[in-house]
């Protein structure tokens, strides 16, 4: 099964069409930006030969800092646009990262090709668009790691190997189907998450355009929501009146390079009066995406070396509000058993609703629990049951239900914030989402009573993340239907949406389709993707992921035997003067 059949309406079948190739990158302008050999501030031109044709690619390395170039596209009409990209090995040192936009677009897309083979060019599908003799604007991604010297070779770039642009023409019927598909919301059942920090760590963005680029991949996809992080504890990702900023002004010795880049980003935004939260919100809304402000409820204190993030904040100033474990030891977290902690959080959530957001999201999936054996909860349990919780099993149902009343009360306080924001600013309700843990037992053990939350109307969307125990970036979620049944049963017959988070962050195209189909067949309506910014590289998995809301297409694919989704591309036979039939010398 070709990638086009998986990512465009079912009417389109790539095998029935002859694509057009623009394979001479020497046509890029200005010519002064091109060179016949590697040269700093120039794109190197390399002749190549594939199994189908000969051409000239452009190459830029980590130290090149190549200027922006433009490739004329001498065609009009609707086309599916792909890029022929090479990477020459595994690992970040070998990846290609390419910024592209049509000259009629306002924002670049970032295409990332990894784990490639040196003897192959892969087609990365970008989008379907109407062309009218446009130019494709091409940029190398260069990071200002030495900001005081913009021309320093310490400002490293991402490598680029761009061989060609492939244009697959769309018929009138296909265009009509595509436009109908884009105009309906029926399949927009996917929810994306972005931690709003990783891109500052990795890219050091300094312009509003860099922020908009983080969202551009979701245009004309099956995503209807972006969950954009607004803060963690008292560290806020917008200009806050009450909390701390990620500029890390209390330290001059960031442990990681990325931490320094992130801090510099926030200082530059402050000088330029850029509000990244508002910029992201406005761009999301311009694409028809709901924008939900996401907050890490346990983010008041982090382990070394991230402990500098909240230095001098609420955690440092209020040691009396820290948690207590079963043995009476203080824990390195603030406890929601104390009204003062909840009040501090409500202050930040209220501040977030000063923006025209569509929802508030509480991320309970990071660093639980939020309360353990703090005196207020212990004493109230004693008063109610006449026994100390320290004398009974830590999984005694009475104790777990009693302790969970604290976070249920907190969710009522959050609902009051959302209700007030709706009355003051919104024509539609400001919704509440909770990202929770992977089972009824695990949630209740960590103070989360989902049955109570649904019954008492304090949540509108529940996102079961996965189990925290033993979680790694490669952990797999929701392959066992039995694990899903509790959540489906809890929301059945209510207004509450359920969106399961699919992990790990990197999933094969066919696996995405199989798991999504299984969950839809069980009755699920929505899917959630944590750290979607780690998935939206325009590779084969992303091409399938961004269309996972089309339930009917998934069902048809399964019914026909779940065909393998092929990665299109070509064998590369010659590059420069090297015959790739020979093994590259070490």
Protein backbone atom coordinates (compact mmCIF):
# COMPACT_ATOMS: atom_id res chain seq x y z
CA UNK A 1 0.00 0.00 0.00
CA UNK A 2 1.49 3.34 -1.05
CA UNK A 3 1.77 6.22 1.39
CA UNK A 4 -0.56 8.41 -0.67
CA UNK A 5 -3.39 5.94 -0.35
CA UNK A 6 -2.92 6.11 3.41
CA UNK A 7 -2.77 9.87 3.80
CA UNK A 8 -5.15 11.25 1.18
CA UNK A 9 -8.81 10.43 0.47
CA UNK A 10 -9.46 6.87 -0.61
CA UNK A 11 -10.16 7.92 -4.20
CA UNK A 12 -6.47 8.73 -4.75
CA UNK A 13 -4.24 5.86 -5.78
CA UNK A 14 -0.63 6.81 -6.45
CA UNK A 15 0.08 3.74 -8.52
CA UNK A 16 -2.33 5.01 -11.18
CA UNK A 17 -0.49 8.30 -11.63
CA UNK A 18 2.76 9.60 -13.05
CA UNK A 19 4.42 12.09 -10.70
CA UNK A 20 6.32 15.14 -11.86
CA UNK A 21 9.86 15.54 -10.50
CA UNK A 22 11.78 18.75 -10.06
CA UNK A 23 15.17 17.15 -9.71
CA UNK A 24 17.64 19.90 -10.51
CA UNK A 25 18.13 21.83 -7.27
CA UNK A 26 20.62 23.95 -9.19
CA UNK A 27 17.56 25.91 -10.33
CA UNK A 28 17.24 27.40 -6.84
CA UNK A 29 17.64 31.13 -6.47
CA UNK A 30 19.71 33.12 -5.83
CA UNK A 31 22.49 31.43 -7.75
CA UNK A 32 25.00 33.19 -5.50
CA UNK A 33 23.83 30.93 -2.64
CA UNK A 34 24.92 27.79 -4.53
CA UNK A 35 28.39 26.29 -4.97
CA UNK A 36 29.84 23.26 -6.73
CA UNK A 37 31.58 22.11 -3.57
CA UNK A 38 31.08 22.47 0.18
CA UNK A 39 31.54 26.09 1.16
CA UNK A 40 30.37 27.93 4.26
CA UNK A 41 27.24 30.03 3.67
CA UNK A 42 26.51 28.17 0.41
CA UNK A 43 24.45 25.15 -0.60
CA UNK A 44 26.66 22.53 -2.22
CA UNK A 45 25.39 21.08 -5.50
CA UNK A 46 25.88 17.32 -5.87
CA UNK A 47 25.07 15.33 -9.01
CA UNK A 48 23.32 12.04 -8.30
CA UNK A 49 21.76 9.10 -10.09
CA UNK A 50 18.89 6.95 -8.82
CA UNK A 51 17.19 3.88 -10.22
CA UNK A 52 14.88 6.23 -12.20
CA UNK A 53 16.75 9.37 -13.20
CA UNK A 54 19.69 11.71 -12.75
CA UNK A 55 19.57 15.03 -10.93
CA UNK A 56 21.38 17.54 -8.76
CA UNK A 57 20.73 17.74 -5.02
CA UNK A 58 21.60 20.47 -2.56
CA UNK A 59 23.58 19.68 0.57
CA UNK A 60 24.38 21.73 3.66
CA UNK A 61 26.30 20.55 6.71
CA UNK A 62 26.43 21.31 10.41
CA UNK A 63 28.83 24.21 9.92
CA UNK A 64 27.40 25.62 6.69
CA UNK A 65 24.82 28.17 7.90
CA UNK A 66 23.41 28.26 4.38
CA UNK A 67 21.19 31.18 3.34
CA UNK A 68 17.54 30.91 2.36
CA UNK A 69 16.91 29.78 -1.21
CA UNK A 70 13.84 29.51 -3.43
CA UNK A 71 12.96 26.77 -5.90
CA UNK A 72 10.65 27.85 -8.76
CA UNK A 73 7.73 25.49 -9.38
CA UNK A 74 6.63 25.89 -13.02
CA UNK A 75 3.22 24.25 -12.59
CA UNK A 76 -0.35 25.23 -11.78
CA UNK A 77 -3.10 23.13 -10.28
CA UNK A 78 -3.56 20.80 -7.33
CA UNK A 79 -0.70 18.50 -6.36
CA UNK A 80 0.38 16.25 -3.52
CA UNK A 81 3.84 17.58 -2.66
CA UNK A 82 6.68 15.40 -1.37
CA UNK A 83 10.39 15.94 -0.86
CA UNK A 84 13.09 13.45 -1.82
CA UNK A 85 15.43 13.47 1.18
CA UNK A 86 18.53 11.56 2.13
CA UNK A 87 20.08 10.89 5.49
CA UNK A 88 23.31 8.98 5.53
CA UNK A 89 23.06 6.95 8.72
CA UNK A 90 21.38 6.52 12.09
CA UNK A 91 21.48 9.12 14.84
CA UNK A 92 21.04 12.88 15.09
CA UNK A 93 24.41 13.65 13.50
CA UNK A 94 23.16 12.13 10.24
CA UNK A 95 19.58 13.44 10.13
CA UNK A 96 18.21 15.86 7.57
CA UNK A 97 16.12 18.73 8.91
CA UNK A 98 14.56 20.96 6.33
CA UNK A 99 12.42 24.08 6.71
CA UNK A 100 10.02 24.62 3.79
CA UNK A 101 7.06 26.77 2.86
CA UNK A 102 5.33 27.92 -0.29
CA UNK A 103 5.95 31.58 -1.01
CA UNK A 104 2.20 32.05 -0.43
CA UNK A 105 2.41 30.51 3.07
CA UNK A 106 3.12 32.56 6.17
CA UNK A 107 4.79 29.80 8.17
CA UNK A 108 7.50 27.20 7.60
CA UNK A 109 7.08 23.49 8.18
CA UNK A 110 9.97 21.54 9.69
CA UNK A 111 10.57 18.20 7.99
CA UNK A 112 12.88 15.81 9.84
CA UNK A 113 14.29 12.69 8.22
CA UNK A 114 16.09 10.24 10.50
CA UNK A 115 17.36 6.69 10.44
CA UNK A 116 17.91 6.78 6.72
CA UNK A 117 20.20 4.73 4.49
CA UNK A 118 23.10 6.26 2.62
CA UNK A 119 22.06 4.47 -0.58
CA UNK A 120 18.43 5.57 -0.59
CA UNK A 121 16.32 8.70 -1.07
CA UNK A 122 13.00 8.69 0.80
CA UNK A 123 9.89 10.58 -0.21
CA UNK A 124 8.48 12.63 2.67
CA UNK A 125 4.91 13.70 1.98
CA UNK A 126 4.34 17.34 2.96
CA UNK A 127 0.84 18.35 1.91
CA UNK A 128 -1.69 18.70 -0.90
CA UNK A 129 -1.98 22.24 -2.18
CA UNK A 130 -3.03 24.32 -5.16
CA UNK A 131 -0.01 25.67 -7.00
CA UNK A 132 0.15 28.67 -9.30
CA UNK A 133 3.77 28.91 -10.43
CA UNK A 134 4.83 29.26 -6.81
CA UNK A 135 8.27 29.07 -5.32
CA UNK A 136 9.19 26.71 -2.49
CA UNK A 137 11.20 28.60 0.11
CA UNK A 138 13.95 26.43 1.65
CA UNK A 139 15.87 27.11 4.84
CA UNK A 140 18.53 25.31 6.77
CA UNK A 141 17.87 25.14 10.50
CA UNK A 142 20.72 26.97 12.26
CA UNK A 143 20.83 27.38 16.02
CA UNK A 144 22.30 30.50 17.59
CA UNK A 145 24.24 28.75 20.34
CA UNK A 146 26.73 31.64 20.42
CA UNK A 147 24.32 34.58 20.26
CA UNK A 148 26.94 37.27 20.85
CA UNK A 149 28.61 36.17 17.58
CA UNK A 150 25.93 35.28 15.00
CA UNK A 151 28.53 34.21 12.42
CA UNK A 152 30.37 31.87 14.80
CA UNK A 153 30.81 28.27 13.67
CA UNK A 154 29.60 27.39 17.16
CA UNK A 155 26.13 28.15 15.84
CA UNK A 156 25.56 24.68 14.46
CA UNK A 157 23.10 23.78 11.72
CA UNK A 158 21.07 20.69 10.96
CA UNK A 159 22.30 18.78 7.92
CA UNK A 160 20.29 18.80 4.68
CA UNK A 161 20.35 16.45 1.69
CA UNK A 162 17.52 17.48 -0.65
CA UNK A 163 17.42 15.65 -3.98
CA UNK A 164 14.09 16.56 -5.56
CA UNK A 165 10.50 17.71 -5.19
CA UNK A 166 7.84 15.23 -6.28
CA UNK A 167 4.47 16.58 -7.45
CA UNK A 168 1.59 14.14 -7.82
CA UNK A 169 -1.28 15.74 -9.79
CA UNK A 170 -4.80 15.50 -8.37
CA UNK A 171 -7.85 15.12 -10.61
CA UNK A 172 -10.91 17.33 -10.31
CA UNK A 173 -12.79 14.57 -8.49
CA UNK A 174 -9.90 14.11 -6.06
CA UNK A 175 -9.72 17.83 -5.37
CA UNK A 176 -13.44 17.94 -4.63
CA UNK A 177 -13.11 15.00 -2.27
CA UNK A 178 -10.11 16.59 -0.58
CA UNK A 179 -11.93 19.91 -0.09
CA UNK A 180 -15.01 18.18 1.26
CA UNK A 181 -12.85 16.21 3.64
CA UNK A 182 -11.15 19.37 4.92
CA UNK A 183 -14.41 21.24 5.37
CA UNK A 184 -16.03 18.66 7.65
CA UNK A 185 -15.29 18.14 11.33
CA UNK A 186 -16.59 14.57 11.38
CA UNK A 187 -13.12 13.01 11.40
CA UNK A 188 -11.35 15.57 13.57
CA UNK A 189 -11.18 13.35 16.61
CA UNK A 190 -7.44 13.61 17.47
CA UNK A 191 -5.94 15.63 20.34
CA UNK A 192 -2.28 16.77 20.32
CA UNK A 193 -0.04 17.75 23.24
CA UNK A 194 3.00 20.05 23.16
CA UNK A 195 5.00 20.71 26.33
CA UNK A 196 5.79 24.26 25.07
CA UNK A 197 9.36 23.90 26.35
CA UNK A 198 11.18 21.20 24.37
CA UNK A 199 11.38 23.35 21.25
CA UNK A 200 13.04 26.15 23.23
CA UNK A 201 15.54 23.59 24.56
CA UNK A 202 16.28 22.18 21.12
CA UNK A 203 15.89 25.10 18.69
CA UNK A 204 16.30 28.34 20.69
CA UNK A 205 13.43 30.07 18.84
CA UNK A 206 13.54 33.86 18.94
CA UNK A 207 10.77 34.96 16.57
CA UNK A 208 6.99 34.55 16.54
CA UNK A 209 7.36 32.64 13.27
CA UNK A 210 9.37 29.98 15.13
CA UNK A 211 6.47 29.51 17.54
CA UNK A 212 3.91 29.22 14.75
CA UNK A 213 6.13 26.58 13.09
CA UNK A 214 5.48 24.30 16.08
CA UNK A 215 1.79 24.16 15.11
CA UNK A 216 1.93 24.21 11.33
CA UNK A 217 2.07 20.41 11.01
CA UNK A 218 -1.53 20.17 12.29
CA UNK A 219 -3.04 22.19 9.44
CA UNK A 220 -5.63 20.22 7.43
CA UNK A 221 -5.26 17.12 9.60
CA UNK A 222 -7.62 15.11 11.81
CA UNK A 223 -6.53 17.06 14.91
CA UNK A 224 -9.15 19.25 16.55
CA UNK A 225 -7.31 20.24 19.74
CA UNK A 226 -3.85 21.26 20.83
CA UNK A 227 -3.00 20.86 24.52
CA UNK A 228 -0.29 23.50 24.91
CA UNK A 229 1.47 23.59 28.25
CA UNK A 230 1.06 26.83 30.18
CA UNK A 231 3.09 25.98 33.25
CA UNK A 232 4.36 23.56 35.86
CA UNK A 233 3.88 24.45 39.52
CA UNK A 234 4.80 28.14 39.71
CA UNK A 235 6.95 28.10 36.54
CA UNK A 236 4.78 29.61 33.80
CA UNK A 237 5.18 29.54 30.02
CA UNK A 238 3.57 32.93 29.49
CA UNK A 239 4.24 36.40 30.97
CA UNK A 240 2.95 35.79 34.50
CA UNK A 241 2.22 38.30 37.24
CA UNK A 242 2.52 35.76 40.04
CA UNK A 243 4.95 32.98 39.15
CA UNK A 244 8.44 32.30 37.83
CA UNK A 245 9.61 32.57 34.24
CA UNK A 246 11.68 29.95 32.34
CA UNK A 247 14.44 32.52 31.86
CA UNK A 248 16.12 30.93 34.93
CA UNK A 249 17.38 34.28 36.18
CA UNK A 250 18.49 32.80 39.51
CA UNK A 251 21.33 30.78 37.94
CA UNK A 252 24.20 31.49 35.55
CA UNK A 253 25.30 27.87 35.23
CA UNK A 254 22.76 25.80 33.34
CA UNK A 255 23.71 22.11 33.47
CA UNK A 256 22.77 21.29 29.86
CA UNK A 257 23.29 23.33 26.73
CA UNK A 258 19.59 23.00 25.96
CA UNK A 259 18.69 24.52 29.35
CA UNK A 260 20.81 27.54 28.50
CA UNK A 261 19.24 27.85 25.06
CA UNK A 262 15.76 27.68 26.55
CA UNK A 263 16.56 30.34 29.15
CA UNK A 264 18.06 32.58 26.47
CA UNK A 265 14.95 32.12 24.37
CA UNK A 266 12.74 33.43 27.14
CA UNK A 267 15.01 36.40 27.81
CA UNK A 268 14.94 37.34 24.13
CA UNK A 269 11.15 36.99 23.97
CA UNK A 270 10.88 39.26 26.99
CA UNK A 271 13.06 41.93 25.34
CA UNK A 272 11.01 41.69 22.13
CA UNK A 273 7.70 41.74 24.05
CA UNK A 274 6.74 38.37 22.51
CA UNK A 275 4.13 36.34 24.36
CA UNK A 276 4.67 32.78 23.05
CA UNK A 277 1.48 31.50 24.67
CA UNK A 278 -0.66 34.08 22.88
CA UNK A 279 1.20 33.56 19.61
CA UNK A 280 0.56 29.82 19.75
CA UNK A 281 -3.07 30.32 20.75
CA UNK A 282 -3.79 32.73 17.91
CA UNK A 283 -2.13 30.50 15.31
CA UNK A 284 -3.99 27.45 16.57
CA UNK A 285 -7.30 29.29 16.35
CA UNK A 286 -6.45 30.53 12.85
CA UNK A 287 -6.21 26.87 11.77
CA UNK A 288 -9.45 25.90 13.49
CA UNK A 289 -7.77 24.13 16.41
CA UNK A 290 -9.10 24.37 19.95
CA UNK A 291 -6.41 25.55 22.36
CA UNK A 292 -6.33 23.99 25.83
CA UNK A 293 -3.96 25.42 28.45
CA UNK A 294 -2.20 22.49 30.13
CA UNK A 295 -0.74 22.64 33.63
CA UNK A 296 1.54 20.16 35.46
CA UNK A 297 0.01 20.07 38.91
CA UNK A 298 3.10 18.50 40.54
CA UNK A 299 5.61 20.86 38.95
CA UNK A 300 6.65 22.92 41.98
CA UNK A 301 9.96 21.11 42.48
CA UNK A 302 12.21 18.96 40.30
CA UNK A 303 15.26 16.79 40.98
CA UNK A 304 18.82 17.94 40.26
CA UNK A 305 19.72 19.45 37.84
CA UNK A 306 16.20 20.71 37.06
CA UNK A 307 15.86 21.95 40.66
CA UNK A 308 16.93 25.41 39.43
CA UNK A 309 13.67 25.74 37.49
CA UNK A 310 11.63 26.72 40.56
CA UNK A 311 14.46 28.19 42.64
CA UNK A 312 13.15 30.86 45.00
CA UNK A 313 9.57 29.87 44.31
CA UNK A 314 6.59 28.69 46.31
CA UNK A 315 8.20 25.37 47.24
CA UNK A 316 11.27 27.06 48.73
CA UNK A 317 9.20 29.60 50.65
CA UNK A 318 6.76 27.11 52.17
CA UNK A 319 8.51 24.03 53.58
CA UNK A 320 5.54 23.60 55.94
CA UNK A 321 3.33 22.71 52.94
CA UNK A 322 5.44 19.79 51.73
CA UNK A 323 4.21 16.23 51.64
CA UNK A 324 4.55 13.57 54.33
CA UNK A 325 5.01 9.89 53.62
CA UNK A 326 3.70 6.95 55.70
CA UNK A 327 6.83 6.98 57.86
CA UNK A 328 6.46 10.66 58.67
CA UNK A 329 9.26 11.84 56.37
CA UNK A 330 8.99 15.03 54.37
CA UNK A 331 8.72 14.42 50.61
CA UNK A 332 10.15 16.63 47.82
CA UNK A 333 6.76 17.87 46.67
CA UNK A 334 4.01 20.18 47.81
CA UNK A 335 0.82 18.55 49.06
CA UNK A 336 -2.65 19.41 47.81
CA UNK A 337 -3.92 18.43 51.24
CA UNK A 338 -3.11 22.01 52.22
CA UNK A 339 -5.61 24.65 51.01
CA UNK A 340 -2.74 27.11 50.56
CA UNK A 341 -1.24 24.96 47.79
CA UNK A 342 -4.55 24.61 46.00
CA UNK A 343 -5.10 28.37 46.29
CA UNK A 344 -1.73 29.02 44.67
CA UNK A 345 -2.62 26.73 41.76
CA UNK A 346 -6.06 28.26 41.34
CA UNK A 347 -4.37 31.66 41.06
CA UNK A 348 -2.37 30.44 38.06
CA UNK A 349 -5.33 28.72 36.41
CA UNK A 350 -7.33 31.91 36.79
CA UNK A 351 -4.49 33.85 35.20
CA UNK A 352 -4.52 31.47 32.23
CA UNK A 353 -8.20 32.11 31.63
CA UNK A 354 -7.34 35.73 30.93
CA UNK A 355 -6.47 34.37 27.48
CA UNK A 356 -9.30 33.22 25.15
CA UNK A 357 -8.51 29.54 25.73
CA UNK A 358 -10.93 26.72 25.02
CA UNK A 359 -10.07 24.67 28.07
CA UNK A 360 -7.95 24.01 31.12
CA UNK A 361 -6.08 20.72 31.36
CA UNK A 362 -4.61 19.28 34.57
CA UNK A 363 -1.68 16.94 33.88
CA UNK A 364 -1.79 14.43 36.75
CA UNK A 365 0.38 11.98 34.81
CA UNK A 366 3.69 13.53 35.84
CA UNK A 367 5.32 13.06 39.28
CA UNK A 368 2.39 11.72 41.32
CA UNK A 369 1.24 11.56 44.06
CA UNK A 370 0.02 15.01 45.06
CA UNK A 371 -0.78 13.95 48.60
CA UNK A 372 0.09 11.08 50.94
CA UNK A 373 -0.16 11.09 54.74
CA UNK A 374 -0.29 14.79 55.53
CA UNK A 375 -1.75 15.70 58.98
CA UNK A 376 -4.97 17.30 57.66
CA UNK A 377 -5.96 14.11 55.81
CA UNK A 378 -4.80 11.77 58.55
CA UNK A 379 -6.70 13.65 61.25
CA UNK A 380 -9.92 13.93 59.23
CA UNK A 381 -9.78 10.18 58.56
CA UNK A 382 -9.35 9.49 62.28
CA UNK A 383 -12.34 11.69 63.06
CA UNK A 384 -14.48 9.89 60.50
CA UNK A 385 -13.49 6.26 61.11
CA UNK A 386 -11.99 6.26 64.61
CA UNK A 387 -8.78 4.64 63.41
CA UNK A 388 -5.47 5.97 62.12
CA UNK A 389 -4.69 5.31 58.45
CA UNK A 390 -1.18 4.42 59.62
CA UNK A 391 -2.57 1.30 61.32
CA UNK A 392 -4.34 -0.09 58.25
CA UNK A 393 -3.20 -1.30 54.84
CA UNK A 394 -2.14 1.51 52.53
CA UNK A 395 -4.63 0.22 49.95
CA UNK A 396 -7.58 0.07 52.33
CA UNK A 397 -10.55 1.26 50.27
CA UNK A 398 -11.78 3.58 53.05
CA UNK A 399 -8.47 5.39 53.18
CA UNK A 400 -8.09 5.71 49.42
CA UNK A 401 -11.62 7.06 48.94
CA UNK A 402 -11.22 9.48 51.84
CA UNK A 403 -7.87 10.82 50.62
CA UNK A 404 -9.24 11.20 47.09
CA UNK A 405 -11.85 13.65 48.38
CA UNK A 406 -9.07 16.26 48.51
CA UNK A 407 -8.46 16.24 44.75
CA UNK A 408 -12.19 16.00 44.06
CA UNK A 409 -12.61 19.20 46.05
CA UNK A 410 -9.74 20.75 44.10
CA UNK A 411 -11.46 19.81 40.82
CA UNK A 412 -14.58 21.60 42.03
CA UNK A 413 -12.40 24.67 42.58
CA UNK A 414 -11.06 24.30 39.03
CA UNK A 415 -14.61 24.00 37.71
CA UNK A 416 -15.46 27.29 39.42
CA UNK A 417 -12.54 28.96 37.59
CA UNK A 418 -13.71 27.57 34.25
CA UNK A 419 -17.29 28.58 34.91
CA UNK A 420 -16.28 32.14 35.77
CA UNK A 421 -14.09 32.36 32.65
CA UNK A 422 -16.99 31.17 30.54
CA UNK A 423 -19.28 33.82 32.01
CA UNK A 424 -16.71 36.58 31.53
CA UNK A 425 -15.05 35.87 28.23
CA UNK A 426 -16.42 32.98 26.22
CA UNK A 427 -19.38 32.21 24.03
CA UNK A 428 -18.83 28.51 24.75
CA UNK A 429 -17.91 26.69 27.96
CA UNK A 430 -14.26 26.56 28.98
CA UNK A 431 -13.80 22.81 29.31
CA UNK A 432 -11.75 20.86 31.84
CA UNK A 433 -9.48 17.97 30.87
CA UNK A 434 -7.63 15.68 33.25
CA UNK A 435 -4.67 13.58 32.07
CA UNK A 436 -4.69 10.67 34.49
CA UNK A 437 -3.08 7.29 35.11
CA UNK A 438 -3.63 3.91 33.47
CA UNK A 439 -6.13 2.04 35.67
CA UNK A 440 -8.83 2.56 38.29
CA UNK A 441 -6.54 1.18 40.99
CA UNK A 442 -3.53 3.31 40.10
CA UNK A 443 -5.60 6.47 39.92
CA UNK A 444 -7.31 5.87 43.25
CA UNK A 445 -4.01 4.99 44.94
CA UNK A 446 -2.75 8.41 43.83
CA UNK A 447 -5.80 10.28 45.08
CA UNK A 448 -7.79 10.40 41.83
CA UNK A 449 -11.39 9.18 42.06
CA UNK A 450 -12.54 9.23 38.46
CA UNK A 451 -16.01 7.91 39.24
CA UNK A 452 -16.58 10.81 41.61
CA UNK A 453 -15.20 13.33 39.12
CA UNK A 454 -17.58 12.16 36.40
CA UNK A 455 -20.59 11.87 38.68
CA UNK A 456 -20.00 15.31 40.20
CA UNK A 457 -19.45 16.98 36.84
CA UNK A 458 -15.97 18.40 37.45
CA UNK A 459 -14.34 17.08 34.26
CA UNK A 460 -15.26 17.19 30.55
CA UNK A 461 -12.47 15.07 29.04
CA UNK A 462 -10.46 12.26 30.60
CA UNK A 463 -7.14 11.27 29.08
CA UNK A 464 -5.74 8.03 30.55
CA UNK A 465 -2.02 8.36 29.90
CA UNK A 466 -0.62 4.96 30.79
CA UNK A 467 0.84 3.37 33.88
CA UNK A 468 3.52 5.44 35.61
CA UNK A 469 5.20 2.35 37.04
CA UNK A 470 8.11 1.34 34.85
CA UNK A 471 7.22 3.85 32.15
CA UNK A 472 9.87 4.51 29.53
CA UNK A 473 9.74 6.29 26.19
CA UNK A 474 9.33 2.88 24.54
CA UNK A 475 6.46 1.66 26.75
CA UNK A 476 3.42 0.51 24.82
CA UNK A 477 -0.09 1.51 25.84
CA UNK A 478 -3.61 0.15 25.29
CA UNK A 479 -2.89 -3.05 23.42
CA UNK A 480 -4.98 -4.98 25.97
CA UNK A 481 -8.72 -4.33 25.53
CA UNK A 482 -9.37 -5.24 29.18
CA UNK A 483 -7.39 -2.17 30.30
CA UNK A 484 -9.77 0.10 28.38
CA UNK A 485 -13.08 -1.20 29.72
CA UNK A 486 -13.03 0.65 33.06
CA UNK A 487 -12.64 4.03 31.39
CA UNK A 488 -15.35 3.32 28.82
CA UNK A 489 -17.69 2.22 31.59
CA UNK A 490 -17.01 5.35 33.69
CA UNK A 491 -17.94 7.81 30.92
CA UNK A 492 -20.80 5.77 29.39
CA UNK A 493 -24.02 7.75 29.26
CA UNK A 494 -22.34 11.01 30.31
CA UNK A 495 -21.12 14.10 28.46
CA UNK A 496 -17.51 13.28 29.35
CA UNK A 497 -15.18 12.57 26.44
CA UNK A 498 -12.58 9.81 26.69
CA UNK A 499 -9.32 10.07 24.74
CA UNK A 500 -6.69 7.40 25.29
CA UNK A 501 -3.06 8.42 24.89
CA UNK A 502 -1.11 6.23 22.47
CA UNK A 503 2.48 5.49 23.45
CA UNK A 504 5.36 5.23 22.73
CA UNK A 505 6.08 8.44 20.92
CA UNK A 506 7.41 6.57 17.87
CA UNK A 507 5.02 3.96 16.49
CA UNK A 508 5.13 2.21 13.12
CA UNK A 509 2.45 3.32 10.63
CA UNK A 510 0.67 -0.03 10.56
CA UNK A 511 0.71 -0.25 14.37
CA UNK A 512 -0.88 3.19 14.66
CA UNK A 513 -3.68 2.04 12.38
CA UNK A 514 -4.24 -1.31 14.09
CA UNK A 515 -4.38 0.14 17.60
CA UNK A 516 -6.59 3.06 16.59
CA UNK A 517 -9.00 0.70 14.84
CA UNK A 518 -9.16 -1.59 17.87
CA UNK A 519 -9.99 1.32 20.18
CA UNK A 520 -12.63 2.70 17.85
CA UNK A 521 -14.24 -0.73 17.62
CA UNK A 522 -14.45 -0.78 21.42
CA UNK A 523 -16.41 2.47 21.41
CA UNK A 524 -13.72 5.11 21.80
CA UNK A 525 -14.32 8.38 19.95
CA UNK A 526 -11.06 10.29 20.47
CA UNK A 527 -7.31 9.66 20.60
CA UNK A 528 -4.63 11.67 22.42
CA UNK A 529 -0.92 11.96 21.62
CA UNK A 530 1.46 13.11 24.36
CA UNK A 531 4.49 15.02 23.04
CA UNK A 532 3.09 15.18 19.54
CA UNK A 533 5.96 17.53 18.76
CA UNK A 534 8.18 14.42 18.95
CA UNK A 535 6.04 12.75 16.26
CA UNK A 536 5.19 15.43 13.67
CA UNK A 537 8.28 15.05 11.47
CA UNK A 538 6.32 14.44 8.21
CA UNK A 539 7.72 10.91 8.04
CA UNK A 540 5.63 7.83 7.24
CA UNK A 541 4.31 7.42 10.80
CA UNK A 542 3.22 11.05 10.95
CA UNK A 543 1.58 10.81 7.55
CA UNK A 544 -0.59 7.99 8.91
CA UNK A 545 -1.06 9.49 12.37
CA UNK A 546 -2.44 12.80 11.12
CA UNK A 547 -5.26 10.92 9.37
CA UNK A 548 -6.15 8.48 12.18
CA UNK A 549 -9.51 10.17 12.72
CA UNK A 550 -10.87 8.53 9.56
CA UNK A 551 -12.43 5.49 11.20
CA UNK A 552 -14.02 4.24 8.00
CA UNK A 553 -10.68 4.14 6.19
CA UNK A 554 -9.09 2.21 9.05
CA UNK A 555 -11.94 -0.31 9.07
CA UNK A 556 -11.65 -0.79 5.30
CA UNK A 557 -7.88 -1.25 5.58
CA UNK A 558 -8.28 -3.92 8.28
CA UNK A 559 -11.04 -5.65 6.36
CA UNK A 560 -8.79 -5.90 3.31
CA UNK A 561 -5.96 -7.46 5.30
CA UNK A 562 -4.01 -4.58 6.88
CA UNK A 563 -1.59 -4.11 4.01
CA UNK A 564 1.90 -2.86 4.74
CA UNK A 565 2.25 0.88 4.20
CA UNK A 566 5.24 1.35 1.95
CA UNK A 567 7.78 4.12 2.38
CA UNK A 568 8.13 5.56 -1.12
CA UNK A 569 11.53 6.48 -2.41
CA UNK A 570 14.33 5.43 -4.71
CA UNK A 571 17.59 3.55 -4.60
CA UNK A 572 20.51 5.94 -4.86
CA UNK A 573 23.18 4.56 -7.20
CA UNK A 574 25.65 7.39 -7.51
CA UNK A 575 26.39 10.56 -5.52
CA UNK A 576 29.09 12.92 -6.70
CA UNK A 577 31.85 10.70 -8.02
CA UNK A 578 31.08 7.81 -5.67
CA UNK A 579 29.41 4.64 -6.91
CA UNK A 580 27.16 3.56 -4.05
CA UNK A 581 27.30 -0.06 -5.15
CA UNK A 582 30.58 -0.04 -3.21
CA UNK A 583 30.61 -0.06 0.56
CA UNK A 584 31.51 3.35 1.95
CA UNK A 585 35.00 3.10 3.47
CA UNK A 586 35.43 3.55 7.20
